Amino acid sequence: MANTRTCSSASETASLVQRAKQYQAFREQLLRWEKTASDRDRCSVMREAVRFAIALLWE
C-alpha cells in the first residue's frame, strides 16, 4: 500500500509542477495555500505534494 501512495504522490506532484509552470495564477495559489493551510492540511499527502512541487519550481 505504501508504494501505491508514493506513486500517487509522485503523480500528483508532477501534475502540480506542470500546471504551476504553465499558469502563474496557479503557482501563486500553491504558494498561498502553503502559507494558509491548517495544521491538519499540512500533515496530509497533498501537503507533501504541494511542498515538493514548490521546491521543484525553484530549480
N, C-alpha and C. Protein backbone atom coordinates (compact mmCIF):
# COMPACT_ATOMS: atom_id res chain seq x y z
N MET A 1 0.82 -1.20 0.00
CA MET A 1 0.00 0.00 0.00
C MET A 1 0.87 1.26 0.00
N ALA A 2 1.98 1.24 0.71
CA ALA A 2 2.84 2.42 0.75
C ALA A 2 3.35 2.77 -0.64
N ASN A 3 3.67 1.76 -1.46
CA ASN A 3 4.13 2.03 -2.81
C ASN A 3 3.07 2.73 -3.64
N THR A 4 1.83 2.32 -3.50
CA THR A 4 0.73 2.95 -4.24
C THR A 4 0.60 4.41 -3.84
N ARG A 5 0.69 4.67 -2.56
CA ARG A 5 0.58 6.04 -2.06
C ARG A 5 1.73 6.90 -2.58
N THR A 6 2.93 6.34 -2.57
CA THR A 6 4.09 7.08 -3.07
C THR A 6 3.93 7.38 -4.55
N CYS A 7 3.49 6.40 -5.33
CA CYS A 7 3.30 6.62 -6.76
C CYS A 7 2.23 7.67 -7.00
N SER A 8 1.16 7.60 -6.24
CA SER A 8 0.11 8.60 -6.36
C SER A 8 0.64 9.98 -6.03
N SER A 9 1.44 10.07 -4.98
CA SER A 9 2.02 11.35 -4.60
C SER A 9 2.94 11.88 -5.68
N ALA A 10 3.75 11.00 -6.25
CA ALA A 10 4.66 11.42 -7.32
C ALA A 10 3.88 11.91 -8.52
N SER A 11 2.81 11.22 -8.84
CA SER A 11 1.96 11.63 -9.96
C SER A 11 1.28 12.97 -9.68
N GLU A 12 0.77 13.12 -8.48
CA GLU A 12 0.14 14.39 -8.09
C GLU A 12 1.15 15.52 -8.13
N THR A 13 2.34 15.27 -7.64
CA THR A 13 3.38 16.29 -7.63
C THR A 13 3.75 16.71 -9.04
N ALA A 14 3.93 15.73 -9.93
CA ALA A 14 4.28 16.03 -11.32
C ALA A 14 3.19 16.88 -11.97
N SER A 15 1.94 16.57 -11.70
CA SER A 15 0.83 17.34 -12.24
C SER A 15 0.82 18.76 -11.70
N LEU A 16 1.08 18.88 -10.41
CA LEU A 16 1.13 20.21 -9.79
C LEU A 16 2.24 21.05 -10.39
N VAL A 17 3.42 20.46 -10.54
CA VAL A 17 4.56 21.19 -11.10
C VAL A 17 4.27 21.62 -12.53
N GLN A 18 3.75 20.70 -13.33
CA GLN A 18 3.46 21.03 -14.73
C GLN A 18 2.46 22.19 -14.82
N ARG A 19 1.42 22.10 -14.04
CA ARG A 19 0.40 23.16 -14.07
C ARG A 19 0.95 24.49 -13.55
N ALA A 20 1.75 24.42 -12.49
CA ALA A 20 2.33 25.64 -11.91
C ALA A 20 3.29 26.32 -12.87
N LYS A 21 4.01 25.52 -13.68
CA LYS A 21 4.92 26.10 -14.66
C LYS A 21 4.15 26.77 -15.79
N GLN A 22 2.98 26.25 -16.10
CA GLN A 22 2.18 26.80 -17.20
C GLN A 22 1.37 28.03 -16.79
N TYR A 23 0.90 28.05 -15.54
CA TYR A 23 -0.04 29.09 -15.13
C TYR A 23 0.46 29.82 -13.88
N GLN A 24 0.78 31.08 -14.05
CA GLN A 24 1.28 31.88 -12.93
C GLN A 24 0.25 31.95 -11.80
N ALA A 25 -1.01 32.08 -12.15
CA ALA A 25 -2.06 32.17 -11.12
C ALA A 25 -2.09 30.91 -10.26
N PHE A 26 -1.91 29.75 -10.89
CA PHE A 26 -1.90 28.51 -10.14
C PHE A 26 -0.68 28.44 -9.23
N ARG A 27 0.46 28.89 -9.74
CA ARG A 27 1.70 28.93 -8.94
C ARG A 27 1.48 29.80 -7.70
N GLU A 28 0.87 30.96 -7.89
CA GLU A 28 0.59 31.85 -6.77
C GLU A 28 -0.37 31.21 -5.79
N GLN A 29 -1.34 30.46 -6.32
CA GLN A 29 -2.31 29.77 -5.46
C GLN A 29 -1.60 28.70 -4.61
N LEU A 30 -0.64 27.99 -5.19
CA LEU A 30 0.12 27.00 -4.42
C LEU A 30 0.86 27.67 -3.27
N LEU A 31 1.50 28.77 -3.56
CA LEU A 31 2.25 29.48 -2.53
C LEU A 31 1.32 30.01 -1.44
N ARG A 32 0.15 30.49 -1.84
CA ARG A 32 -0.84 30.97 -0.87
C ARG A 32 -1.33 29.82 0.00
N TRP A 33 -1.58 28.67 -0.62
CA TRP A 33 -2.04 27.50 0.14
C TRP A 33 -1.00 27.12 1.19
N GLU A 34 0.26 27.12 0.80
CA GLU A 34 1.33 26.76 1.73
C GLU A 34 1.35 27.68 2.94
N LYS A 35 1.06 28.95 2.74
CA LYS A 35 1.09 29.92 3.84
C LYS A 35 -0.16 29.85 4.72
N THR A 36 -1.29 29.41 4.16
CA THR A 36 -2.55 29.50 4.90
C THR A 36 -3.17 28.15 5.28
N ALA A 37 -2.56 27.05 4.89
CA ALA A 37 -3.14 25.73 5.17
C ALA A 37 -3.18 25.48 6.68
N SER A 38 -4.24 24.79 7.09
CA SER A 38 -4.37 24.44 8.51
C SER A 38 -3.33 23.38 8.88
N ASP A 39 -3.13 23.17 10.17
CA ASP A 39 -2.19 22.14 10.63
C ASP A 39 -2.61 20.77 10.11
N ARG A 40 -3.91 20.52 10.09
CA ARG A 40 -4.41 19.23 9.60
C ARG A 40 -4.05 19.05 8.13
N ASP A 41 -4.24 20.08 7.34
CA ASP A 41 -3.90 20.01 5.92
C ASP A 41 -2.40 19.86 5.71
N ARG A 42 -1.64 20.49 6.57
CA ARG A 42 -0.18 20.45 6.45
C ARG A 42 0.38 19.06 6.70
N CYS A 43 -0.36 18.20 7.35
CA CYS A 43 0.09 16.83 7.64
C CYS A 43 -0.44 15.83 6.63
N SER A 44 -0.95 16.30 5.52
CA SER A 44 -1.56 15.41 4.53
C SER A 44 -0.60 15.07 3.41
N VAL A 45 -0.96 14.06 2.63
CA VAL A 45 -0.21 13.68 1.45
C VAL A 45 -0.21 14.83 0.45
N MET A 46 -1.34 15.52 0.34
CA MET A 46 -1.42 16.65 -0.58
C MET A 46 -0.43 17.73 -0.19
N ARG A 47 -0.28 17.98 1.07
CA ARG A 47 0.68 18.99 1.54
C ARG A 47 2.08 18.63 1.10
N GLU A 48 2.43 17.35 1.22
CA GLU A 48 3.75 16.92 0.78
C GLU A 48 3.92 17.14 -0.72
N ALA A 49 2.89 16.84 -1.48
CA ALA A 49 2.94 17.05 -2.93
C ALA A 49 3.10 18.54 -3.25
N VAL A 50 2.36 19.38 -2.55
CA VAL A 50 2.44 20.83 -2.79
C VAL A 50 3.83 21.35 -2.43
N ARG A 51 4.36 20.95 -1.30
CA ARG A 51 5.69 21.43 -0.89
C ARG A 51 6.76 20.98 -1.86
N PHE A 52 6.68 19.74 -2.32
CA PHE A 52 7.66 19.24 -3.26
C PHE A 52 7.53 19.96 -4.61
N ALA A 53 6.31 20.21 -5.03
CA ALA A 53 6.08 20.95 -6.28
C ALA A 53 6.67 22.35 -6.20
N ILE A 54 6.47 23.01 -5.07
CA ILE A 54 7.01 24.36 -4.88
C ILE A 54 8.54 24.31 -4.94
N ALA A 55 9.13 23.32 -4.31
CA ALA A 55 10.59 23.17 -4.33
C ALA A 55 11.09 22.96 -5.75
N LEU A 56 10.39 22.15 -6.53
CA LEU A 56 10.80 21.90 -7.91
C LEU A 56 10.68 23.14 -8.79
N LEU A 57 9.75 24.01 -8.47
CA LEU A 57 9.60 25.23 -9.25
C LEU A 57 10.81 26.13 -9.15
N TRP A 58 11.53 26.05 -8.05
CA TRP A 58 12.69 26.92 -7.84
C TRP A 58 13.96 26.39 -8.49
N GLU A 59 13.88 25.17 -9.06
CA GLU A 59 15.07 24.61 -9.73
C GLU A 59 15.33 25.30 -11.04
